[in-house]
């Protein structure tokens, strides 16, 4: 699980330069950007904060995200 301290400092790598890029934790397995709706999986307790990974899930509805996220 992502610690609250880490969640406070993590930002969406796509948005961080132009917007706040604040991330919210979803079902303890996804980080979702409140600005661009990119979704970053948490695999083995490690957030996969790659823009390409977030792009894969941007059009997936929050409730349709697989739990747990697929492993690479």
PDB file of N, CA and C in Angstrom:
ATOM      1  N   UNK A   1       0.841  -1.189   0.000  1.00  0.00           N
ATOM      2  CA  UNK A   1       0.000   0.000   0.000  1.00  0.00           C
ATOM      3  C   UNK A   1       0.884   1.249   0.000  1.00  0.00           C
ATOM      4  N   UNK A   2       0.423   2.283  -0.665  1.00  0.00           N
ATOM      5  CA  UNK A   2       1.148   3.547  -0.737  1.00  0.00           C
ATOM      6  C   UNK A   2       0.916   4.324   0.563  1.00  0.00           C
ATOM      7  N   UNK A   3       1.997   4.761   1.168  1.00  0.00           N
ATOM      8  CA  UNK A   3       1.867   5.501   2.428  1.00  0.00           C
ATOM      9  C   UNK A   3       1.261   6.880   2.173  1.00  0.00           C
ATOM     10  N   UNK A   4       0.545   7.415   3.155  1.00  0.00           N
ATOM     11  CA  UNK A   4      -0.030   8.757   3.004  1.00  0.00           C
ATOM     12  C   UNK A   4       1.026   9.822   2.713  1.00  0.00           C
ATOM     13  N   UNK A   5       2.214   9.666   3.282  1.00  0.00           N
ATOM     14  CA  UNK A   5       3.291  10.633   3.044  1.00  0.00           C
ATOM     15  C   UNK A   5       3.731  10.614   1.582  1.00  0.00           C
ATOM     16  N   UNK A   6       3.856   9.420   1.020  1.00  0.00           N
ATOM     17  CA  UNK A   6       4.243   9.298  -0.377  1.00  0.00           C
ATOM     18  C   UNK A   6       3.152   9.850  -1.284  1.00  0.00           C
ATOM     19  N   UNK A   7       1.910   9.557  -0.962  1.00  0.00           N
ATOM     20  CA  UNK A   7       0.787  10.041  -1.757  1.00  0.00           C
ATOM     21  C   UNK A   7       0.748  11.567  -1.800  1.00  0.00           C
ATOM     22  N   UNK A   8       1.161  12.206  -0.738  1.00  0.00           N
ATOM     23  CA  UNK A   8       1.170  13.667  -0.694  1.00  0.00           C
ATOM     24  C   UNK A   8       2.195  14.271  -1.652  1.00  0.00           C
ATOM     25  N   UNK A   9       3.300  13.570  -1.902  1.00  0.00           N
ATOM     26  CA  UNK A   9       4.337  14.157  -2.758  1.00  0.00           C
ATOM     27  C   UNK A   9       4.310  13.658  -4.201  1.00  0.00           C
ATOM     28  N   UNK A  10       3.687  12.505  -4.443  1.00  0.00           N
ATOM     29  CA  UNK A  10       3.612  11.995  -5.813  1.00  0.00           C
ATOM     30  C   UNK A  10       2.718  12.893  -6.663  1.00  0.00           C
ATOM     31  N   UNK A  11       3.127  13.110  -7.902  1.00  0.00           N
ATOM     32  CA  UNK A  11       2.349  13.896  -8.848  1.00  0.00           C
ATOM     33  C   UNK A  11       2.357  13.196 -10.194  1.00  0.00           C
ATOM     34  N   UNK A  12       1.340  13.450 -10.981  1.00  0.00           N
ATOM     35  CA  UNK A  12       1.253  12.887 -12.325  1.00  0.00           C
ATOM     36  C   UNK A  12       2.418  13.428 -13.158  1.00  0.00           C
ATOM     37  N   UNK A  13       3.232  12.538 -13.741  1.00  0.00           N
ATOM     38  CA  UNK A  13       4.370  13.008 -14.518  1.00  0.00           C
ATOM     39  C   UNK A  13       3.963  13.760 -15.782  1.00  0.00           C
ATOM     40  N   UNK A  14       2.754  13.552 -16.252  1.00  0.00           N
ATOM     41  CA  UNK A  14       2.278  14.255 -17.439  1.00  0.00           C
ATOM     42  C   UNK A  14       1.853  15.691 -17.114  1.00  0.00           C
ATOM     43  N   UNK A  15       1.311  15.909 -15.944  1.00  0.00           N
ATOM     44  CA  UNK A  15       0.712  17.207 -15.604  1.00  0.00           C
ATOM     45  C   UNK A  15       1.587  18.110 -14.740  1.00  0.00           C
ATOM     46  N   UNK A  16       2.566  17.569 -14.081  1.00  0.00           N
ATOM     47  CA  UNK A  16       3.264  18.273 -13.011  1.00  0.00           C
ATOM     48  C   UNK A  16       3.855  19.627 -13.428  1.00  0.00           C
ATOM     49  N   UNK A  17       4.225  19.804 -14.666  1.00  0.00           N
ATOM     50  CA  UNK A  17       4.834  21.071 -15.085  1.00  0.00           C
ATOM     51  C   UNK A  17       3.814  22.176 -15.321  1.00  0.00           C
ATOM     52  N   UNK A  18       2.579  21.821 -15.679  1.00  0.00           N
ATOM     53  CA  UNK A  18       1.590  22.827 -16.027  1.00  0.00           C
ATOM     54  C   UNK A  18       0.423  22.912 -15.050  1.00  0.00           C
ATOM     55  N   UNK A  19       0.179  21.830 -14.332  1.00  0.00           N
ATOM     56  CA  UNK A  19      -0.954  21.775 -13.406  1.00  0.00           C
ATOM     57  C   UNK A  19      -0.485  21.143 -12.104  1.00  0.00           C
ATOM     58  N   UNK A  20      -1.405  20.996 -11.179  1.00  0.00           N
ATOM     59  CA  UNK A  20      -1.039  20.390  -9.899  1.00  0.00           C
ATOM     60  C   UNK A  20      -0.714  18.905 -10.038  1.00  0.00           C
ATOM     61  N   UNK A  21      -1.481  18.191 -10.873  1.00  0.00           N
ATOM     62  CA  UNK A  21      -1.224  16.770 -11.087  1.00  0.00           C
ATOM     63  C   UNK A  21      -1.444  15.916  -9.859  1.00  0.00           C
ATOM     64  N   UNK A  22      -2.368  16.335  -9.007  1.00  0.00           N
ATOM     65  CA  UNK A  22      -2.624  15.610  -7.760  1.00  0.00           C
ATOM     66  C   UNK A  22      -3.220  14.241  -8.066  1.00  0.00           C
ATOM     67  N   UNK A  23      -2.724  13.246  -7.349  1.00  0.00           N
ATOM     68  CA  UNK A  23      -3.174  11.869  -7.528  1.00  0.00           C
ATOM     69  C   UNK A  23      -4.025  11.424  -6.350  1.00  0.00           C
ATOM     70  N   UNK A  24      -5.047  10.639  -6.656  1.00  0.00           N
ATOM     71  CA  UNK A  24      -5.872  10.047  -5.602  1.00  0.00           C
ATOM     72  C   UNK A  24      -5.746   8.534  -5.691  1.00  0.00           C
ATOM     73  N   UNK A  25      -5.789   7.905  -4.549  1.00  0.00           N
ATOM     74  CA  UNK A  25      -5.667   6.457  -4.462  1.00  0.00           C
ATOM     75  C   UNK A  25      -7.035   5.822  -4.685  1.00  0.00           C
ATOM     76  N   UNK A  26      -7.073   4.815  -5.572  1.00  0.00           N
ATOM     77  CA  UNK A  26      -8.320   4.112  -5.869  1.00  0.00           C
ATOM     78  C   UNK A  26      -8.138   2.629  -5.570  1.00  0.00           C
ATOM     79  N   UNK A  27      -8.910   2.126  -4.648  1.00  0.00           N
ATOM     80  CA  UNK A  27      -8.906   0.708  -4.263  1.00  0.00           C
ATOM     81  C   UNK A  27      -7.509   0.182  -3.913  1.00  0.00           C
ATOM     82  N   UNK A  28      -6.668   1.040  -3.388  1.00  0.00           N
ATOM     83  CA  UNK A  28      -5.309   0.682  -2.968  1.00  0.00           C
ATOM     84  C   UNK A  28      -4.453   0.098  -4.084  1.00  0.00           C
ATOM     85  N   UNK A  29      -4.903   0.185  -5.350  1.00  0.00           N
ATOM     86  CA  UNK A  29      -4.139  -0.410  -6.446  1.00  0.00           C
ATOM     87  C   UNK A  29      -3.957   0.521  -7.638  1.00  0.00           C
ATOM     88  N   UNK A  30      -4.532   1.705  -7.595  1.00  0.00           N
ATOM     89  CA  UNK A  30      -4.411   2.657  -8.706  1.00  0.00           C
ATOM     90  C   UNK A  30      -4.222   4.064  -8.164  1.00  0.00           C
ATOM     91  N   UNK A  31      -3.431   4.860  -8.889  1.00  0.00           N
ATOM     92  CA  UNK A  31      -3.318   6.293  -8.631  1.00  0.00           C
ATOM     93  C   UNK A  31      -3.938   6.993  -9.827  1.00  0.00           C
ATOM     94  N   UNK A  32      -4.898   7.865  -9.570  1.00  0.00           N
ATOM     95  CA  UNK A  32      -5.623   8.529 -10.642  1.00  0.00           C
ATOM     96  C   UNK A  32      -5.381  10.029 -10.557  1.00  0.00           C
ATOM     97  N   UNK A  33      -4.955  10.609 -11.691  1.00  0.00           N
ATOM     98  CA  UNK A  33      -4.695  12.052 -11.753  1.00  0.00           C
ATOM     99  C   UNK A  33      -6.014  12.802 -11.828  1.00  0.00           C
ATOM    100  N   UNK A  34      -6.173  13.789 -10.980  1.00  0.00           N
ATOM    101  CA  UNK A  34      -7.405  14.579 -10.968  1.00  0.00           C
ATOM    102  C   UNK A  34      -7.448  15.592 -12.110  1.00  0.00           C
ATOM    103  N   UNK A  35      -6.317  15.860 -12.753  1.00  0.00           N
ATOM    104  CA  UNK A  35      -6.291  16.815 -13.851  1.00  0.00           C
ATOM    105  C   UNK A  35      -6.511  16.171 -15.216  1.00  0.00           C
ATOM    106  N   UNK A  36      -5.816  15.065 -15.495  1.00  0.00           N
ATOM    107  CA  UNK A  36      -5.866  14.482 -16.846  1.00  0.00           C
ATOM    108  C   UNK A  36      -6.540  13.109 -16.910  1.00  0.00           C
ATOM    109  N   UNK A  37      -6.885  12.546 -15.761  1.00  0.00           N
ATOM    110  CA  UNK A  37      -7.560  11.241 -15.664  1.00  0.00           C
ATOM    111  C   UNK A  37      -6.666  10.057 -16.045  1.00  0.00           C
ATOM    112  N   UNK A  38      -5.360  10.268 -16.162  1.00  0.00           N
ATOM    113  CA  UNK A  38      -4.485   9.117 -16.368  1.00  0.00           C
ATOM    114  C   UNK A  38      -4.495   8.266 -15.101  1.00  0.00           C
ATOM    115  N   UNK A  39      -4.370   6.963 -15.318  1.00  0.00           N
ATOM    116  CA  UNK A  39      -4.421   6.025 -14.203  1.00  0.00           C
ATOM    117  C   UNK A  39      -3.131   5.223 -14.183  1.00  0.00           C
ATOM    118  N   UNK A  40      -2.487   5.238 -13.023  1.00  0.00           N
ATOM    119  CA  UNK A  40      -1.197   4.565 -12.859  1.00  0.00           C
ATOM    120  C   UNK A  40      -1.379   3.387 -11.906  1.00  0.00           C
ATOM    121  N   UNK A  41      -1.032   2.172 -12.364  1.00  0.00           N
ATOM    122  CA  UNK A  41      -1.199   0.995 -11.499  1.00  0.00           C
ATOM    123  C   UNK A  41      -0.140   0.933 -10.402  1.00  0.00           C
ATOM    124  N   UNK A  42      -0.491   0.282  -9.333  1.00  0.00           N
ATOM    125  CA  UNK A  42       0.457  -0.011  -8.256  1.00  0.00           C
ATOM    126  C   UNK A  42       0.677  -1.518  -8.288  1.00  0.00           C
ATOM    127  N   UNK A  43       1.901  -1.918  -8.646  1.00  0.00           N
ATOM    128  CA  UNK A  43       2.233  -3.331  -8.804  1.00  0.00           C
ATOM    129  C   UNK A  43       3.281  -3.692  -7.756  1.00  0.00           C
ATOM    130  N   UNK A  44       2.974  -4.700  -6.952  1.00  0.00           N
ATOM    131  CA  UNK A  44       3.873  -5.120  -5.865  1.00  0.00           C
ATOM    132  C   UNK A  44       4.231  -3.943  -4.961  1.00  0.00           C
ATOM    133  N   UNK A  45       3.242  -3.133  -4.636  1.00  0.00           N
ATOM    134  CA  UNK A  45       3.387  -1.961  -3.760  1.00  0.00           C
ATOM    135  C   UNK A  45       4.262  -0.855  -4.349  1.00  0.00           C
ATOM    136  N   UNK A  46       4.510  -0.891  -5.656  1.00  0.00           N
ATOM    137  CA  UNK A  46       5.314   0.137  -6.310  1.00  0.00           C
ATOM    138  C   UNK A  46       4.464   0.827  -7.384  1.00  0.00           C
ATOM    139  N   UNK A  47       4.254   2.146  -7.272  1.00  0.00           N
ATOM    140  CA  UNK A  47       3.507   2.867  -8.319  1.00  0.00           C
ATOM    141  C   UNK A  47       4.304   2.887  -9.627  1.00  0.00           C
ATOM    142  N   UNK A  48       3.638   2.527 -10.711  1.00  0.00           N
ATOM    143  CA  UNK A  48       4.262   2.562 -12.038  1.00  0.00           C
ATOM    144  C   UNK A  48       3.921   3.928 -12.645  1.00  0.00           C
ATOM    145  N   UNK A  49       4.819   4.891 -12.424  1.00  0.00           N
ATOM    146  CA  UNK A  49       4.554   6.286 -12.778  1.00  0.00           C
ATOM    147  C   UNK A  49       5.139   6.657 -14.141  1.00  0.00           C
ATOM    148  N   UNK A  50       4.851   5.858 -15.143  1.00  0.00           N
ATOM    149  CA  UNK A  50       5.295   6.137 -16.505  1.00  0.00           C
ATOM    150  C   UNK A  50       4.121   6.709 -17.289  1.00  0.00           C
ATOM    151  N   UNK A  51       4.365   7.785 -18.039  1.00  0.00           N
ATOM    152  CA  UNK A  51       3.281   8.406 -18.805  1.00  0.00           C
ATOM    153  C   UNK A  51       2.664   7.395 -19.761  1.00  0.00           C
ATOM    154  N   UNK A  52       3.484   6.576 -20.399  1.00  0.00           N
ATOM    155  CA  UNK A  52       2.959   5.557 -21.323  1.00  0.00           C
ATOM    156  C   UNK A  52       2.001   4.600 -20.619  1.00  0.00           C
ATOM    157  N   UNK A  53       2.304   4.274 -19.382  1.00  0.00           N
ATOM    158  CA  UNK A  53       1.420   3.379 -18.609  1.00  0.00           C
ATOM    159  C   UNK A  53       0.109   4.094 -18.293  1.00  0.00           C
ATOM    160  N   UNK A  54       0.188   5.351 -17.910  1.00  0.00           N
ATOM    161  CA  UNK A  54      -1.021   6.128 -17.644  1.00  0.00           C
ATOM    162  C   UNK A  54      -1.884   6.293 -18.887  1.00  0.00           C
ATOM    163  N   UNK A  55      -1.231   6.434 -20.049  1.00  0.00           N
ATOM    164  CA  UNK A  55      -1.951   6.568 -21.319  1.00  0.00           C
ATOM    165  C   UNK A  55      -2.790   5.336 -21.635  1.00  0.00           C
ATOM    166  N   UNK A  56      -2.298   4.163 -21.257  1.00  0.00           N
ATOM    167  CA  UNK A  56      -3.017   2.914 -21.543  1.00  0.00           C
ATOM    168  C   UNK A  56      -4.391   2.888 -20.889  1.00  0.00           C
ATOM    169  N   UNK A  57      -4.520   3.569 -19.753  1.00  0.00           N
ATOM    170  CA  UNK A  57      -5.733   3.458 -18.948  1.00  0.00           C
ATOM    171  C   UNK A  57      -6.575   4.737 -18.934  1.00  0.00           C
ATOM    172  N   UNK A  58      -6.161   5.769 -19.666  1.00  0.00           N
ATOM    173  CA  UNK A  58      -6.835   7.065 -19.579  1.00  0.00           C
ATOM    174  C   UNK A  58      -8.319   6.982 -19.975  1.00  0.00           C
ATOM    175  N   UNK A  59      -8.661   6.125 -20.913  1.00  0.00           N
ATOM    176  CA  UNK A  59     -10.053   6.021 -21.354  1.00  0.00           C
ATOM    177  C   UNK A  59     -10.849   4.939 -20.625  1.00  0.00           C
ATOM    178  N   UNK A  60     -10.234   4.280 -19.674  1.00  0.00           N
ATOM    179  CA  UNK A  60     -10.919   3.250 -18.886  1.00  0.00           C
ATOM    180  C   UNK A  60     -11.624   3.910 -17.712  1.00  0.00           C
ATOM    181  N   UNK A  61     -12.889   3.599 -17.549  1.00  0.00           N
ATOM    182  CA  UNK A  61     -13.658   4.163 -16.432  1.00  0.00           C
ATOM    183  C   UNK A  61     -13.053   3.691 -15.110  1.00  0.00           C
ATOM    184  N   UNK A  62     -13.126   4.533 -14.132  1.00  0.00           N
ATOM    185  CA  UNK A  62     -12.551   4.223 -12.820  1.00  0.00           C
ATOM    186  C   UNK A  62     -13.088   2.908 -12.271  1.00  0.00           C
ATOM    187  N   UNK A  63     -14.370   2.675 -12.402  1.00  0.00           N
ATOM    188  CA  UNK A  63     -14.972   1.443 -11.879  1.00  0.00           C
ATOM    189  C   UNK A  63     -14.623   0.213 -12.711  1.00  0.00           C
ATOM    190  N   UNK A  64     -14.087   0.412 -13.917  1.00  0.00           N
ATOM    191  CA  UNK A  64     -13.735  -0.714 -14.785  1.00  0.00           C
ATOM    192  C   UNK A  64     -12.261  -1.112 -14.667  1.00  0.00           C
ATOM    193  N   UNK A  65     -11.498  -0.418 -13.834  1.00  0.00           N
ATOM    194  CA  UNK A  65     -10.088  -0.743 -13.664  1.00  0.00           C
ATOM    195  C   UNK A  65      -9.938  -2.119 -13.013  1.00  0.00           C
ATOM    196  N   UNK A  66      -9.053  -2.956 -13.543  1.00  0.00           N
ATOM    197  CA  UNK A  66      -8.875  -4.286 -12.945  1.00  0.00           C
ATOM    198  C   UNK A  66      -8.157  -4.203 -11.589  1.00  0.00           C
ATOM    199  N   UNK A  67      -8.661  -4.980 -10.645  1.00  0.00           N
ATOM    200  CA  UNK A  67      -8.051  -5.051  -9.323  1.00  0.00           C
ATOM    201  C   UNK A  67      -7.740  -6.518  -9.056  1.00  0.00           C
ATOM    202  N   UNK A  68      -6.504  -6.882  -8.895  1.00  0.00           N
ATOM    203  CA  UNK A  68      -5.301  -6.055  -8.948  1.00  0.00           C
ATOM    204  C   UNK A  68      -4.963  -5.714 -10.393  1.00  0.00           C
ATOM    205  N   UNK A  69      -4.128  -4.670 -10.594  1.00  0.00           N
ATOM    206  CA  UNK A  69      -3.708  -4.330 -11.961  1.00  0.00           C
ATOM    207  C   UNK A  69      -2.925  -5.474 -12.577  1.00  0.00           C
ATOM    208  N   UNK A  70      -2.973  -5.587 -13.904  1.00  0.00           N
ATOM    209  CA  UNK A  70      -2.208  -6.661 -14.545  1.00  0.00           C
ATOM    210  C   UNK A  70      -0.712  -6.449 -14.370  1.00  0.00           C
ATOM    211  N   UNK A  71       0.005  -7.516 -14.122  1.00  0.00           N
ATOM    212  CA  UNK A  71       1.464  -7.449 -14.025  1.00  0.00           C
ATOM    213  C   UNK A  71       2.026  -7.417 -15.431  1.00  0.00           C
ATOM    214  N   UNK A  72       3.185  -6.802 -15.584  1.00  0.00           N
ATOM    215  CA  UNK A  72       3.781  -6.702 -16.916  1.00  0.00           C
ATOM    216  C   UNK A  72       4.334  -7.998 -17.373  1.00  0.00           C
TER     217      UNK A  72
END
